[in-house]
Amino acid sequence: MFEKLRIKEHMEVANCEGLHVGTVDEVKDDAIKLTKSDSSDDMHHFLSLDDVEKIDDNRIYLKEGARIPEGLGTKAVMEDA
């Protein structure tokens, strides 16, 4: 288990395969607020702290099966291409 206090602004968030999902803007209650710049709709999106598998260096890894909002990370990059 990790401590949510270890999650800091600008940390990278990756899925269970290590692919970029987003960048932390802040932690609000039991959710990670991601920066707008990582989304294809230019809106903030949130991830549940329950979906975090581990924190390694400056990177947050999500659990397999974590709910990732549509249009984030590699999906947003592929949509823009």
N, C-alpha and C. Protein backbone atom coordinates (compact mmCIF):
# COMPACT_ATOMS: atom_id res chain seq x y z
N MET A 1 0.85 -1.19 0.00
CA MET A 1 0.00 0.00 0.00
C MET A 1 0.89 1.24 0.00
N PHE A 2 0.42 2.28 -0.59
CA PHE A 2 1.18 3.52 -0.68
C PHE A 2 0.51 4.60 0.15
N GLU A 3 1.23 5.67 0.39
CA GLU A 3 0.66 6.81 1.09
C GLU A 3 0.33 7.88 0.06
N LYS A 4 -0.89 8.39 0.11
CA LYS A 4 -1.28 9.40 -0.88
C LYS A 4 -0.45 10.66 -0.75
N LEU A 5 0.19 10.87 0.39
CA LEU A 5 1.06 12.03 0.57
C LEU A 5 2.29 11.97 -0.34
N ARG A 6 2.61 10.77 -0.83
CA ARG A 6 3.76 10.62 -1.74
C ARG A 6 3.44 11.09 -3.16
N ILE A 7 2.16 11.28 -3.47
CA ILE A 7 1.76 11.73 -4.81
C ILE A 7 1.89 13.25 -4.86
N LYS A 8 2.72 13.70 -5.79
CA LYS A 8 3.02 15.12 -5.91
C LYS A 8 2.64 15.65 -7.29
N GLU A 9 2.46 16.96 -7.35
CA GLU A 9 2.18 17.64 -8.62
C GLU A 9 3.27 17.32 -9.63
N HIS A 10 2.89 17.13 -10.87
CA HIS A 10 3.75 16.87 -12.02
C HIS A 10 4.29 15.43 -12.11
N MET A 11 3.85 14.54 -11.22
CA MET A 11 4.25 13.14 -11.34
C MET A 11 3.55 12.54 -12.56
N GLU A 12 4.23 11.62 -13.21
CA GLU A 12 3.63 10.93 -14.35
C GLU A 12 2.73 9.80 -13.85
N VAL A 13 1.61 9.59 -14.54
CA VAL A 13 0.71 8.47 -14.25
C VAL A 13 0.77 7.54 -15.46
N ALA A 14 1.00 6.24 -15.19
CA ALA A 14 1.09 5.24 -16.26
C ALA A 14 0.10 4.12 -15.99
N ASN A 15 -0.35 3.46 -17.07
CA ASN A 15 -1.23 2.31 -16.88
C ASN A 15 -0.40 1.11 -16.43
N CYS A 16 -1.02 -0.04 -16.30
CA CYS A 16 -0.32 -1.23 -15.79
C CYS A 16 0.79 -1.71 -16.72
N GLU A 17 0.74 -1.28 -17.99
CA GLU A 17 1.77 -1.66 -18.96
C GLU A 17 2.88 -0.62 -19.04
N GLY A 18 2.78 0.44 -18.25
CA GLY A 18 3.80 1.47 -18.24
C GLY A 18 3.61 2.57 -19.27
N LEU A 19 2.44 2.58 -19.96
CA LEU A 19 2.17 3.61 -20.96
C LEU A 19 1.61 4.86 -20.30
N HIS A 20 2.03 6.01 -20.78
CA HIS A 20 1.63 7.30 -20.21
C HIS A 20 0.12 7.49 -20.28
N VAL A 21 -0.46 7.87 -19.14
CA VAL A 21 -1.89 8.16 -19.04
C VAL A 21 -2.10 9.65 -18.83
N GLY A 22 -1.29 10.24 -17.96
CA GLY A 22 -1.46 11.66 -17.66
C GLY A 22 -0.41 12.15 -16.69
N THR A 23 -0.61 13.39 -16.23
CA THR A 23 0.29 14.05 -15.30
C THR A 23 -0.54 14.60 -14.15
N VAL A 24 -0.06 14.40 -12.94
CA VAL A 24 -0.79 14.84 -11.75
C VAL A 24 -0.83 16.36 -11.69
N ASP A 25 -2.04 16.88 -11.50
CA ASP A 25 -2.24 18.30 -11.23
C ASP A 25 -2.29 18.49 -9.71
N GLU A 26 -3.11 17.65 -9.04
CA GLU A 26 -3.20 17.68 -7.59
C GLU A 26 -3.97 16.46 -7.11
N VAL A 27 -3.93 16.21 -5.80
CA VAL A 27 -4.74 15.17 -5.18
C VAL A 27 -5.88 15.86 -4.44
N LYS A 28 -7.11 15.46 -4.75
CA LYS A 28 -8.30 16.01 -4.10
C LYS A 28 -9.07 14.86 -3.48
N ASP A 29 -9.18 14.88 -2.16
CA ASP A 29 -9.88 13.82 -1.43
C ASP A 29 -9.28 12.46 -1.79
N ASP A 30 -10.07 11.58 -2.41
CA ASP A 30 -9.59 10.25 -2.76
C ASP A 30 -9.41 10.10 -4.27
N ALA A 31 -9.02 11.19 -4.93
CA ALA A 31 -8.86 11.16 -6.38
C ALA A 31 -7.62 11.95 -6.80
N ILE A 32 -7.06 11.53 -7.92
CA ILE A 32 -5.94 12.23 -8.53
C ILE A 32 -6.50 13.07 -9.67
N LYS A 33 -6.30 14.36 -9.60
CA LYS A 33 -6.73 15.27 -10.66
C LYS A 33 -5.58 15.38 -11.66
N LEU A 34 -5.87 15.11 -12.93
CA LEU A 34 -4.85 15.16 -13.97
C LEU A 34 -4.86 16.51 -14.68
N THR A 35 -3.73 16.89 -15.24
CA THR A 35 -3.64 18.14 -15.98
C THR A 35 -4.48 18.08 -17.24
N LYS A 36 -4.95 19.23 -17.69
CA LYS A 36 -5.75 19.31 -18.91
C LYS A 36 -4.92 19.02 -20.15
N SER A 37 -3.63 19.29 -20.09
CA SER A 37 -2.77 19.15 -21.27
C SER A 37 -2.64 17.70 -21.74
N ASP A 38 -2.98 16.73 -20.89
CA ASP A 38 -2.90 15.32 -21.28
C ASP A 38 -4.21 14.76 -21.82
N SER A 39 -5.24 15.60 -21.94
CA SER A 39 -6.52 15.08 -22.41
C SER A 39 -6.86 15.66 -23.78
N SER A 40 -7.54 14.85 -24.58
CA SER A 40 -7.90 15.29 -25.92
C SER A 40 -9.04 16.31 -25.90
N ASP A 41 -9.79 16.37 -24.78
CA ASP A 41 -10.90 17.32 -24.69
C ASP A 41 -10.55 18.57 -23.88
N ASP A 42 -9.28 18.72 -23.51
CA ASP A 42 -8.78 19.89 -22.78
C ASP A 42 -9.56 20.13 -21.48
N MET A 43 -9.88 19.02 -20.79
CA MET A 43 -10.57 19.10 -19.50
C MET A 43 -9.79 18.31 -18.47
N HIS A 44 -9.98 18.67 -17.19
CA HIS A 44 -9.38 17.88 -16.12
C HIS A 44 -10.14 16.56 -16.00
N HIS A 45 -9.41 15.50 -15.74
CA HIS A 45 -10.01 14.20 -15.48
C HIS A 45 -9.47 13.69 -14.15
N PHE A 46 -10.21 12.77 -13.55
CA PHE A 46 -9.84 12.27 -12.23
C PHE A 46 -9.68 10.75 -12.26
N LEU A 47 -8.73 10.27 -11.47
CA LEU A 47 -8.51 8.84 -11.28
C LEU A 47 -8.67 8.54 -9.79
N SER A 48 -9.26 7.43 -9.47
CA SER A 48 -9.44 7.04 -8.08
C SER A 48 -8.11 6.59 -7.48
N LEU A 49 -7.87 6.97 -6.23
CA LEU A 49 -6.67 6.48 -5.54
C LEU A 49 -6.70 4.97 -5.38
N ASP A 50 -7.90 4.38 -5.38
CA ASP A 50 -8.03 2.92 -5.28
C ASP A 50 -7.45 2.21 -6.50
N ASP A 51 -7.28 2.93 -7.61
CA ASP A 51 -6.76 2.33 -8.84
C ASP A 51 -5.23 2.36 -8.91
N VAL A 52 -4.57 2.93 -7.91
CA VAL A 52 -3.11 3.00 -7.91
C VAL A 52 -2.53 1.68 -7.42
N GLU A 53 -1.66 1.10 -8.23
CA GLU A 53 -0.97 -0.15 -7.87
C GLU A 53 0.27 0.15 -7.03
N LYS A 54 1.09 1.09 -7.54
CA LYS A 54 2.34 1.41 -6.83
C LYS A 54 2.86 2.77 -7.29
N ILE A 55 3.80 3.28 -6.50
CA ILE A 55 4.52 4.51 -6.86
C ILE A 55 5.98 4.13 -6.91
N ASP A 56 6.62 4.42 -8.04
CA ASP A 56 8.02 4.06 -8.24
C ASP A 56 8.75 5.30 -8.74
N ASP A 57 9.69 5.80 -7.95
CA ASP A 57 10.40 7.05 -8.25
C ASP A 57 9.38 8.17 -8.44
N ASN A 58 9.32 8.75 -9.62
CA ASN A 58 8.40 9.87 -9.87
C ASN A 58 7.27 9.43 -10.79
N ARG A 59 6.87 8.16 -10.69
CA ARG A 59 5.86 7.60 -11.57
C ARG A 59 4.83 6.81 -10.78
N ILE A 60 3.57 7.00 -11.12
CA ILE A 60 2.45 6.29 -10.49
C ILE A 60 1.96 5.24 -11.48
N TYR A 61 1.88 4.00 -11.04
CA TYR A 61 1.38 2.92 -11.89
C TYR A 61 -0.02 2.53 -11.44
N LEU A 62 -0.93 2.42 -12.40
CA LEU A 62 -2.30 2.02 -12.11
C LEU A 62 -2.45 0.51 -12.16
N LYS A 63 -3.45 0.02 -11.45
CA LYS A 63 -3.75 -1.42 -11.44
C LYS A 63 -4.30 -1.84 -12.80
N GLU A 64 -4.13 -3.13 -13.09
CA GLU A 64 -4.76 -3.68 -14.29
C GLU A 64 -6.27 -3.57 -14.12
N GLY A 65 -6.95 -3.12 -15.15
CA GLY A 65 -8.40 -2.95 -15.09
C GLY A 65 -8.84 -1.61 -14.50
N ALA A 66 -7.88 -0.73 -14.20
CA ALA A 66 -8.24 0.60 -13.68
C ALA A 66 -9.07 1.35 -14.72
N ARG A 67 -10.05 2.10 -14.25
CA ARG A 67 -10.90 2.88 -15.15
C ARG A 67 -10.15 4.15 -15.55
N ILE A 68 -9.77 4.21 -16.82
CA ILE A 68 -9.06 5.38 -17.36
C ILE A 68 -10.03 6.13 -18.26
N PRO A 69 -10.30 7.40 -17.95
CA PRO A 69 -11.23 8.17 -18.77
C PRO A 69 -10.81 8.21 -20.24
N GLU A 70 -11.79 8.22 -21.11
CA GLU A 70 -11.57 8.25 -22.57
C GLU A 70 -10.77 9.50 -22.96
N GLY A 71 -9.82 9.32 -23.88
CA GLY A 71 -9.09 10.46 -24.42
C GLY A 71 -7.88 10.90 -23.62
N LEU A 72 -7.39 10.04 -22.73
CA LEU A 72 -6.20 10.40 -21.95
C LEU A 72 -4.96 9.69 -22.47
N GLY A 73 -3.81 10.30 -22.23
CA GLY A 73 -2.53 9.68 -22.52
C GLY A 73 -2.35 9.25 -23.95
N THR A 74 -2.01 7.97 -24.15
CA THR A 74 -1.73 7.47 -25.49
C THR A 74 -2.97 7.53 -26.37
N LYS A 75 -4.16 7.42 -25.78
CA LYS A 75 -5.40 7.54 -26.57
C LYS A 75 -5.50 8.94 -27.16
N ALA A 76 -5.18 9.95 -26.35
CA ALA A 76 -5.25 11.34 -26.81
C ALA A 76 -4.23 11.58 -27.92
N VAL A 77 -3.04 11.02 -27.77
CA VAL A 77 -2.00 11.17 -28.79
C VAL A 77 -2.45 10.55 -30.10
N MET A 78 -3.05 9.35 -30.02
CA MET A 78 -3.48 8.65 -31.23
C MET A 78 -4.64 9.38 -31.89
N GLU A 79 -5.53 10.00 -31.10
CA GLU A 79 -6.66 10.73 -31.67
C GLU A 79 -6.20 11.99 -32.41
N ASP A 80 -5.13 12.60 -31.93
CA ASP A 80 -4.62 13.83 -32.54
C ASP A 80 -3.84 13.56 -33.82
N ALA A 81 -3.38 12.32 -33.98
CA ALA A 81 -2.54 11.97 -35.14
C ALA A 81 -3.32 11.92 -36.43
